[in-house]
N, C-alpha and C. Protein backbone atom coordinates (compact mmCIF):
# COMPACT_ATOMS: atom_id res chain seq x y z
N MET A 1 -15.61 -12.44 13.21
CA MET A 1 -14.29 -12.86 13.61
C MET A 1 -13.77 -13.87 12.60
N ALA A 2 -12.49 -13.88 12.42
CA ALA A 2 -11.87 -14.83 11.49
C ALA A 2 -12.05 -16.25 12.00
N ASN A 3 -12.09 -17.18 11.11
CA ASN A 3 -12.17 -18.59 11.45
C ASN A 3 -10.76 -19.05 11.79
N LEU A 4 -10.49 -19.26 13.06
CA LEU A 4 -9.14 -19.59 13.49
C LEU A 4 -8.68 -20.96 13.03
N THR A 5 -9.62 -21.82 12.64
CA THR A 5 -9.21 -23.12 12.11
C THR A 5 -8.83 -23.03 10.64
N ASN A 6 -9.06 -21.86 10.04
CA ASN A 6 -8.72 -21.63 8.63
C ASN A 6 -7.70 -20.50 8.56
N ASN A 7 -6.51 -20.78 9.01
CA ASN A 7 -5.44 -19.79 8.98
C ASN A 7 -4.90 -19.75 7.55
N ARG A 8 -5.36 -18.79 6.76
CA ARG A 8 -5.08 -18.75 5.32
C ARG A 8 -3.61 -18.53 5.00
N VAL A 9 -2.91 -17.81 5.84
CA VAL A 9 -1.48 -17.60 5.63
C VAL A 9 -0.77 -17.95 6.93
N ASN A 10 0.02 -18.99 6.88
CA ASN A 10 0.72 -19.44 8.09
C ASN A 10 2.18 -19.67 7.74
N THR A 11 2.89 -18.57 7.59
CA THR A 11 4.30 -18.64 7.22
C THR A 11 4.97 -17.36 7.65
N ILE A 12 6.26 -17.33 7.54
CA ILE A 12 7.01 -16.08 7.66
C ILE A 12 7.96 -16.02 6.47
N ALA A 13 8.33 -14.83 6.11
CA ALA A 13 9.30 -14.66 5.04
C ALA A 13 10.69 -14.90 5.62
N THR A 14 11.51 -15.54 4.84
CA THR A 14 12.89 -15.74 5.29
C THR A 14 13.65 -14.43 5.10
N ALA A 15 14.75 -14.32 5.80
CA ALA A 15 15.61 -13.14 5.64
C ALA A 15 16.06 -13.03 4.19
N ALA A 16 16.34 -14.16 3.56
CA ALA A 16 16.77 -14.15 2.16
C ALA A 16 15.65 -13.65 1.24
N GLN A 17 14.40 -14.02 1.52
CA GLN A 17 13.28 -13.55 0.71
C GLN A 17 13.10 -12.04 0.86
N ILE A 18 13.19 -11.54 2.07
CA ILE A 18 13.05 -10.09 2.29
C ILE A 18 14.19 -9.35 1.60
N THR A 19 15.39 -9.85 1.74
CA THR A 19 16.55 -9.22 1.09
C THR A 19 16.39 -9.24 -0.43
N ALA A 20 15.95 -10.37 -0.98
CA ALA A 20 15.76 -10.48 -2.43
C ALA A 20 14.68 -9.52 -2.92
N ALA A 21 13.59 -9.38 -2.16
CA ALA A 21 12.51 -8.47 -2.54
C ALA A 21 13.00 -7.02 -2.51
N LYS A 22 13.73 -6.67 -1.47
CA LYS A 22 14.27 -5.31 -1.37
C LYS A 22 15.26 -5.04 -2.51
N THR A 23 16.08 -6.04 -2.81
CA THR A 23 17.04 -5.89 -3.91
C THR A 23 16.32 -5.73 -5.24
N ALA A 24 15.26 -6.50 -5.44
CA ALA A 24 14.50 -6.40 -6.68
C ALA A 24 13.87 -5.02 -6.82
N LEU A 25 13.33 -4.49 -5.72
CA LEU A 25 12.76 -3.15 -5.77
C LEU A 25 13.83 -2.10 -6.03
N GLN A 26 15.00 -2.28 -5.44
CA GLN A 26 16.10 -1.35 -5.70
C GLN A 26 16.55 -1.46 -7.16
N THR A 27 16.53 -2.66 -7.72
CA THR A 27 16.89 -2.85 -9.12
C THR A 27 15.92 -2.10 -10.03
N VAL A 28 14.64 -2.17 -9.71
CA VAL A 28 13.64 -1.42 -10.49
C VAL A 28 13.95 0.06 -10.41
N THR A 29 14.22 0.55 -9.22
CA THR A 29 14.53 1.97 -9.04
C THR A 29 15.79 2.36 -9.83
N THR A 30 16.79 1.50 -9.78
CA THR A 30 18.04 1.77 -10.51
C THR A 30 17.81 1.76 -12.02
N ASN A 31 16.94 0.88 -12.48
CA ASN A 31 16.67 0.78 -13.92
C ASN A 31 15.78 1.90 -14.45
N LEU A 32 15.19 2.66 -13.55
CA LEU A 32 14.36 3.80 -13.95
C LEU A 32 14.89 5.05 -13.25
N PRO A 33 16.12 5.47 -13.58
CA PRO A 33 16.77 6.56 -12.85
C PRO A 33 16.10 7.92 -13.05
N PHE A 34 15.22 8.03 -14.00
CA PHE A 34 14.54 9.30 -14.29
C PHE A 34 13.32 9.53 -13.41
N LEU A 35 12.95 8.54 -12.59
CA LEU A 35 11.79 8.71 -11.71
C LEU A 35 12.06 9.83 -10.72
N ILE A 36 11.03 10.62 -10.44
CA ILE A 36 11.18 11.75 -9.52
C ILE A 36 10.10 11.69 -8.46
N GLY A 37 10.26 12.50 -7.45
CA GLY A 37 9.24 12.67 -6.42
C GLY A 37 8.74 14.10 -6.48
N LEU A 38 7.47 14.28 -6.25
CA LEU A 38 6.87 15.61 -6.24
C LEU A 38 6.34 15.92 -4.85
N THR A 39 6.29 17.19 -4.53
CA THR A 39 5.65 17.60 -3.29
C THR A 39 4.14 17.55 -3.48
N LYS A 40 3.42 17.63 -2.39
CA LYS A 40 1.95 17.64 -2.46
C LYS A 40 1.47 18.84 -3.27
N ASP A 41 2.10 20.00 -3.07
CA ASP A 41 1.72 21.20 -3.82
C ASP A 41 2.03 21.05 -5.31
N GLU A 42 3.17 20.44 -5.63
CA GLU A 42 3.51 20.24 -7.04
C GLU A 42 2.48 19.32 -7.70
N ARG A 43 2.12 18.25 -7.02
CA ARG A 43 1.11 17.33 -7.57
C ARG A 43 -0.20 18.06 -7.84
N ALA A 44 -0.60 18.89 -6.88
CA ALA A 44 -1.88 19.61 -7.01
C ALA A 44 -1.84 20.63 -8.15
N SER A 45 -0.66 21.15 -8.46
CA SER A 45 -0.57 22.20 -9.48
C SER A 45 -0.47 21.66 -10.90
N LEU A 46 -0.20 20.38 -11.05
CA LEU A 46 -0.01 19.81 -12.38
C LEU A 46 -1.34 19.39 -13.00
N THR A 47 -1.42 19.55 -14.30
CA THR A 47 -2.60 19.12 -15.05
C THR A 47 -2.43 17.64 -15.38
N GLY A 48 -3.38 16.86 -14.93
CA GLY A 48 -3.31 15.42 -15.21
C GLY A 48 -3.74 15.12 -16.62
N ILE A 49 -3.42 13.91 -17.05
CA ILE A 49 -3.83 13.49 -18.39
C ILE A 49 -4.82 12.34 -18.24
N ASN A 50 -5.88 12.41 -19.00
CA ASN A 50 -6.86 11.34 -19.03
C ASN A 50 -7.03 10.91 -20.48
N VAL A 51 -7.98 10.08 -20.75
CA VAL A 51 -8.16 9.57 -22.11
C VAL A 51 -8.37 10.71 -23.11
N ALA A 52 -9.24 11.65 -22.76
CA ALA A 52 -9.50 12.77 -23.67
C ALA A 52 -8.27 13.65 -23.85
N ASN A 53 -7.58 13.93 -22.73
CA ASN A 53 -6.37 14.74 -22.82
C ASN A 53 -5.26 14.04 -23.60
N LYS A 54 -5.19 12.73 -23.47
CA LYS A 54 -4.17 11.97 -24.20
C LYS A 54 -4.44 12.04 -25.70
N THR A 55 -5.68 11.86 -26.09
CA THR A 55 -6.04 11.97 -27.51
C THR A 55 -5.74 13.36 -28.03
N PHE A 56 -6.08 14.37 -27.25
CA PHE A 56 -5.79 15.75 -27.63
C PHE A 56 -4.28 15.96 -27.81
N THR A 57 -3.50 15.42 -26.87
CA THR A 57 -2.05 15.56 -26.93
C THR A 57 -1.49 14.85 -28.17
N GLU A 58 -1.99 13.67 -28.45
CA GLU A 58 -1.56 12.94 -29.66
C GLU A 58 -1.89 13.74 -30.91
N ASP A 59 -3.09 14.31 -30.94
CA ASP A 59 -3.48 15.14 -32.10
C ASP A 59 -2.59 16.38 -32.22
N ALA A 60 -2.26 17.01 -31.09
CA ALA A 60 -1.39 18.19 -31.11
C ALA A 60 0.01 17.82 -31.61
N ILE A 61 0.51 16.68 -31.18
CA ILE A 61 1.83 16.22 -31.65
C ILE A 61 1.78 16.01 -33.16
N SER A 62 0.73 15.35 -33.62
CA SER A 62 0.58 15.10 -35.06
C SER A 62 0.52 16.43 -35.83
N ALA A 63 -0.25 17.39 -35.33
CA ALA A 63 -0.34 18.69 -35.98
C ALA A 63 1.01 19.39 -36.00
N GLY A 64 1.76 19.26 -34.88
CA GLY A 64 3.08 19.88 -34.81
C GLY A 64 4.07 19.25 -35.77
N ILE A 65 4.01 17.93 -35.91
CA ILE A 65 4.91 17.22 -36.85
C ILE A 65 4.60 17.65 -38.28
N ASN A 66 3.33 17.78 -38.59
CA ASN A 66 2.92 18.10 -39.96
C ASN A 66 2.98 19.59 -40.29
N ASN A 67 3.15 20.43 -39.30
CA ASN A 67 3.18 21.89 -39.51
C ASN A 67 4.27 22.53 -38.64
N PRO A 68 5.51 22.12 -38.79
CA PRO A 68 6.57 22.62 -37.90
C PRO A 68 6.84 24.12 -38.03
N SER A 69 6.56 24.70 -39.15
CA SER A 69 6.87 26.13 -39.34
C SER A 69 5.95 27.04 -38.53
N ILE A 70 4.83 26.52 -38.06
CA ILE A 70 3.89 27.32 -37.30
C ILE A 70 4.30 27.40 -35.82
N LEU A 71 5.05 26.42 -35.37
CA LEU A 71 5.40 26.34 -33.95
C LEU A 71 6.60 27.22 -33.61
N PRO A 72 6.60 27.81 -32.41
CA PRO A 72 7.77 28.58 -31.98
C PRO A 72 8.96 27.65 -31.73
N SER A 73 10.15 28.19 -31.83
CA SER A 73 11.36 27.37 -31.73
C SER A 73 11.56 26.76 -30.34
N PHE A 74 10.98 27.36 -29.31
CA PHE A 74 11.15 26.83 -27.95
C PHE A 74 10.27 25.62 -27.68
N LEU A 75 9.35 25.29 -28.56
CA LEU A 75 8.45 24.17 -28.36
C LEU A 75 8.97 22.98 -29.15
N SER A 76 9.28 21.90 -28.45
CA SER A 76 9.85 20.71 -29.08
C SER A 76 8.81 19.60 -29.17
N VAL A 77 8.41 19.29 -30.38
CA VAL A 77 7.47 18.19 -30.60
C VAL A 77 8.13 16.86 -30.22
N ALA A 78 9.42 16.75 -30.47
CA ALA A 78 10.15 15.53 -30.10
C ALA A 78 10.09 15.31 -28.58
N ASN A 79 10.25 16.38 -27.80
CA ASN A 79 10.14 16.26 -26.34
C ASN A 79 8.73 15.84 -25.93
N MET A 80 7.73 16.39 -26.62
CA MET A 80 6.34 16.00 -26.34
C MET A 80 6.14 14.52 -26.62
N GLN A 81 6.70 14.05 -27.73
CA GLN A 81 6.58 12.63 -28.08
C GLN A 81 7.25 11.76 -27.03
N ASN A 82 8.42 12.17 -26.57
CA ASN A 82 9.11 11.41 -25.52
C ASN A 82 8.27 11.36 -24.25
N ASP A 83 7.71 12.51 -23.86
CA ASP A 83 6.90 12.55 -22.64
C ASP A 83 5.69 11.62 -22.76
N LEU A 84 5.02 11.66 -23.88
CA LEU A 84 3.84 10.83 -24.06
C LEU A 84 4.19 9.35 -24.14
N THR A 85 5.29 9.03 -24.79
CA THR A 85 5.75 7.64 -24.86
C THR A 85 6.07 7.12 -23.47
N LEU A 86 6.82 7.92 -22.69
CA LEU A 86 7.15 7.50 -21.32
C LEU A 86 5.89 7.37 -20.48
N PHE A 87 4.94 8.27 -20.65
CA PHE A 87 3.66 8.18 -19.95
C PHE A 87 3.02 6.81 -20.19
N SER A 88 2.97 6.39 -21.43
CA SER A 88 2.36 5.10 -21.78
C SER A 88 3.18 3.93 -21.23
N GLN A 89 4.49 4.02 -21.32
CA GLN A 89 5.35 2.96 -20.79
C GLN A 89 5.17 2.80 -19.29
N LEU A 90 5.11 3.92 -18.58
CA LEU A 90 4.96 3.87 -17.13
C LEU A 90 3.58 3.36 -16.73
N ASP A 91 2.58 3.61 -17.56
CA ASP A 91 1.23 3.14 -17.28
C ASP A 91 1.22 1.62 -17.08
N GLU A 92 1.92 0.90 -17.92
CA GLU A 92 1.98 -0.56 -17.81
C GLU A 92 2.66 -0.99 -16.51
N ILE A 93 3.75 -0.33 -16.17
CA ILE A 93 4.46 -0.66 -14.93
C ILE A 93 3.63 -0.29 -13.71
N ILE A 94 2.93 0.82 -13.79
CA ILE A 94 2.08 1.26 -12.67
C ILE A 94 0.98 0.24 -12.40
N ILE A 95 0.36 -0.28 -13.44
CA ILE A 95 -0.71 -1.27 -13.25
C ILE A 95 -0.16 -2.51 -12.55
N LEU A 96 0.98 -2.99 -13.01
CA LEU A 96 1.60 -4.17 -12.37
C LEU A 96 1.99 -3.88 -10.92
N THR A 97 2.51 -2.69 -10.69
CA THR A 97 2.92 -2.30 -9.34
C THR A 97 1.72 -2.19 -8.41
N LYS A 98 0.62 -1.63 -8.91
CA LYS A 98 -0.59 -1.53 -8.09
C LYS A 98 -1.14 -2.91 -7.76
N GLN A 99 -1.09 -3.83 -8.71
CA GLN A 99 -1.55 -5.20 -8.45
C GLN A 99 -0.67 -5.84 -7.36
N PHE A 100 0.63 -5.62 -7.45
CA PHE A 100 1.56 -6.16 -6.47
C PHE A 100 1.31 -5.52 -5.10
N LEU A 101 1.15 -4.20 -5.06
CA LEU A 101 0.89 -3.51 -3.81
C LEU A 101 -0.42 -3.99 -3.18
N GLU A 102 -1.43 -4.22 -4.01
CA GLU A 102 -2.70 -4.72 -3.49
C GLU A 102 -2.51 -6.07 -2.81
N LYS A 103 -1.71 -6.96 -3.42
CA LYS A 103 -1.45 -8.26 -2.80
C LYS A 103 -0.67 -8.11 -1.50
N LEU A 104 0.31 -7.21 -1.49
CA LEU A 104 1.07 -6.96 -0.25
C LEU A 104 0.12 -6.48 0.86
N GLU A 105 -0.69 -5.49 0.53
CA GLU A 105 -1.59 -4.92 1.54
C GLU A 105 -2.67 -5.92 1.97
N ASP A 106 -3.19 -6.70 1.04
CA ASP A 106 -4.20 -7.71 1.38
C ASP A 106 -3.61 -8.78 2.29
N THR A 107 -2.40 -9.22 1.98
CA THR A 107 -1.74 -10.23 2.80
C THR A 107 -1.47 -9.68 4.19
N GLN A 108 -0.98 -8.44 4.25
CA GLN A 108 -0.71 -7.82 5.55
C GLN A 108 -2.00 -7.68 6.35
N LEU A 109 -3.08 -7.26 5.71
CA LEU A 109 -4.37 -7.13 6.38
C LEU A 109 -4.85 -8.48 6.92
N LEU A 110 -4.75 -9.51 6.10
CA LEU A 110 -5.22 -10.83 6.50
C LEU A 110 -4.42 -11.38 7.68
N VAL A 111 -3.09 -11.37 7.58
CA VAL A 111 -2.29 -11.94 8.67
C VAL A 111 -2.41 -11.12 9.94
N GLY A 112 -2.55 -9.80 9.80
CA GLY A 112 -2.78 -8.97 10.99
C GLY A 112 -4.11 -9.31 11.64
N SER A 113 -5.14 -9.50 10.84
CA SER A 113 -6.45 -9.85 11.35
C SER A 113 -6.42 -11.22 12.03
N GLU A 114 -5.74 -12.17 11.40
CA GLU A 114 -5.64 -13.51 11.99
C GLU A 114 -4.95 -13.45 13.35
N ALA A 115 -3.84 -12.71 13.44
CA ALA A 115 -3.11 -12.61 14.70
C ALA A 115 -3.94 -11.90 15.76
N TYR A 116 -4.59 -10.79 15.37
CA TYR A 116 -5.38 -10.02 16.34
C TYR A 116 -6.59 -10.82 16.81
N SER A 117 -7.25 -11.52 15.91
CA SER A 117 -8.41 -12.34 16.29
C SER A 117 -8.01 -13.40 17.30
N ALA A 118 -6.87 -14.03 17.06
CA ALA A 118 -6.39 -15.04 18.01
C ALA A 118 -6.02 -14.39 19.34
N ALA A 119 -5.45 -13.19 19.29
CA ALA A 119 -5.09 -12.48 20.52
C ALA A 119 -6.33 -12.17 21.35
N LEU A 120 -7.43 -11.80 20.69
CA LEU A 120 -8.68 -11.54 21.41
C LEU A 120 -9.19 -12.80 22.11
N ILE A 121 -9.06 -13.93 21.45
CA ILE A 121 -9.49 -15.19 22.07
C ILE A 121 -8.61 -15.53 23.26
N ILE A 122 -7.32 -15.30 23.12
CA ILE A 122 -6.40 -15.54 24.25
C ILE A 122 -6.79 -14.66 25.43
N TYR A 123 -7.08 -13.40 25.16
CA TYR A 123 -7.49 -12.47 26.21
C TYR A 123 -8.75 -12.98 26.91
N LYS A 124 -9.72 -13.40 26.13
CA LYS A 124 -10.96 -13.91 26.70
C LYS A 124 -10.71 -15.17 27.54
N GLN A 125 -9.84 -16.05 27.03
CA GLN A 125 -9.53 -17.29 27.76
C GLN A 125 -8.86 -16.98 29.10
N PHE A 126 -7.95 -16.01 29.11
CA PHE A 126 -7.32 -15.64 30.37
C PHE A 126 -8.33 -14.97 31.30
N GLY A 127 -9.29 -14.24 30.73
CA GLY A 127 -10.35 -13.66 31.55
C GLY A 127 -11.18 -14.73 32.22
N ILE A 128 -11.51 -15.76 31.47
CA ILE A 128 -12.26 -16.89 32.02
C ILE A 128 -11.45 -17.57 33.11
N ALA A 129 -10.16 -17.74 32.85
CA ALA A 129 -9.28 -18.37 33.84
C ALA A 129 -9.20 -17.52 35.11
N ALA A 130 -9.10 -16.20 34.93
CA ALA A 130 -9.03 -15.31 36.10
C ALA A 130 -10.35 -15.37 36.88
N ASP A 131 -11.46 -15.36 36.16
CA ASP A 131 -12.76 -15.45 36.81
C ASP A 131 -12.93 -16.78 37.55
N SER A 132 -12.22 -17.80 37.10
CA SER A 132 -12.28 -19.12 37.73
C SER A 132 -11.29 -19.25 38.88
N GLY A 133 -10.51 -18.20 39.11
CA GLY A 133 -9.60 -18.20 40.24
C GLY A 133 -8.25 -18.86 39.98
N ILE A 134 -7.87 -19.00 38.73
CA ILE A 134 -6.57 -19.62 38.42
C ILE A 134 -5.47 -18.62 38.73
N ALA A 135 -4.55 -19.04 39.56
CA ALA A 135 -3.48 -18.17 40.05
C ALA A 135 -2.63 -17.63 38.90
N GLY A 136 -2.28 -16.35 38.99
CA GLY A 136 -1.39 -15.70 38.03
C GLY A 136 -2.09 -15.13 36.81
N THR A 137 -3.35 -15.43 36.63
CA THR A 137 -4.03 -14.96 35.42
C THR A 137 -4.53 -13.54 35.54
N ASP A 138 -4.75 -13.06 36.79
CA ASP A 138 -5.21 -11.67 36.96
C ASP A 138 -4.19 -10.69 36.38
N THR A 139 -2.92 -10.95 36.60
CA THR A 139 -1.86 -10.07 36.10
C THR A 139 -1.88 -10.04 34.57
N ILE A 140 -2.06 -11.20 33.95
CA ILE A 140 -2.08 -11.28 32.49
C ILE A 140 -3.29 -10.54 31.94
N VAL A 141 -4.45 -10.73 32.58
CA VAL A 141 -5.67 -10.05 32.14
C VAL A 141 -5.49 -8.54 32.27
N ALA A 142 -4.89 -8.10 33.35
CA ALA A 142 -4.65 -6.66 33.54
C ALA A 142 -3.71 -6.12 32.46
N GLN A 143 -2.66 -6.87 32.18
CA GLN A 143 -1.71 -6.42 31.15
C GLN A 143 -2.38 -6.36 29.78
N LEU A 144 -3.07 -7.41 29.40
CA LEU A 144 -3.74 -7.43 28.10
C LEU A 144 -4.88 -6.42 28.05
N GLY A 145 -5.56 -6.23 29.17
CA GLY A 145 -6.69 -5.31 29.24
C GLY A 145 -6.30 -3.85 29.09
N GLU A 146 -5.01 -3.52 29.28
CA GLU A 146 -4.56 -2.15 29.10
C GLU A 146 -4.86 -1.65 27.69
N ARG A 147 -4.87 -2.53 26.73
CA ARG A 147 -5.16 -2.17 25.33
C ARG A 147 -6.57 -1.59 25.21
N PHE A 148 -7.47 -2.02 26.07
CA PHE A 148 -8.88 -1.63 25.97
C PHE A 148 -9.28 -0.62 27.03
N ALA A 149 -8.32 -0.16 27.83
CA ALA A 149 -8.63 0.80 28.89
C ALA A 149 -9.08 2.11 28.28
N SER A 150 -10.16 2.66 28.79
CA SER A 150 -10.65 3.95 28.31
C SER A 150 -9.90 5.05 29.05
N HIS A 151 -10.13 6.27 28.66
CA HIS A 151 -9.46 7.41 29.28
C HIS A 151 -9.84 7.56 30.75
N SER A 152 -10.99 7.04 31.15
CA SER A 152 -11.42 7.17 32.54
C SER A 152 -10.73 6.16 33.45
N GLY A 153 -9.97 5.24 32.85
CA GLY A 153 -9.25 4.27 33.66
C GLY A 153 -9.93 2.94 33.79
N SER A 154 -11.16 2.80 33.31
CA SER A 154 -11.84 1.51 33.39
C SER A 154 -11.44 0.65 32.21
N THR A 155 -11.61 -0.64 32.35
CA THR A 155 -11.28 -1.56 31.27
C THR A 155 -12.52 -1.84 30.46
N ALA A 156 -12.41 -1.66 29.17
CA ALA A 156 -13.53 -1.90 28.26
C ALA A 156 -13.44 -3.31 27.70
N THR A 157 -14.53 -3.78 27.19
CA THR A 157 -14.55 -5.08 26.54
C THR A 157 -14.01 -4.91 25.12
N PRO A 158 -13.14 -5.81 24.71
CA PRO A 158 -12.58 -5.67 23.35
C PRO A 158 -13.63 -5.88 22.30
N SER A 159 -13.50 -5.15 21.21
CA SER A 159 -14.43 -5.33 20.11
C SER A 159 -13.90 -6.40 19.17
N GLU A 160 -14.81 -7.07 18.56
CA GLU A 160 -14.46 -8.12 17.61
C GLU A 160 -14.03 -7.49 16.30
N PRO A 161 -12.97 -7.97 15.68
CA PRO A 161 -12.61 -7.45 14.35
C PRO A 161 -13.65 -7.87 13.33
N LYS A 162 -13.80 -7.09 12.31
CA LYS A 162 -14.79 -7.39 11.27
C LYS A 162 -14.18 -8.12 10.13
């Protein structure tokens, strides 16, 4: 269980911060108007590029530049160069975006865990109060206990988050 005396993130984002973040993300999208979305099937059908494939592609571009008369007219080495350049440019942005997404997801995981851990303690405290005969606590325990009710209708003991 989380250490409730060590609440690592104890804040909320202001409406202005959320708006600014959304605007910044929209600005990124606007500044990269060529970005596209693919279907799951399209993604599966495309050949990915890795280090070996990238080197091969660079070598093919070089061979095409140095031997243009061998290539058919429908094949554009300039287009290949543009694709590979954009691939490399996007790689840098993708790394930064993944780092940012990891921080977003880690923060969300942590604050969710902190809130849920505290909720479990509250549930237990109300259970103790109900067991002690404190008026009005049975209703609260029943309401909170619905979260742990099994399909058979009995109330289960909540599990501790890891």
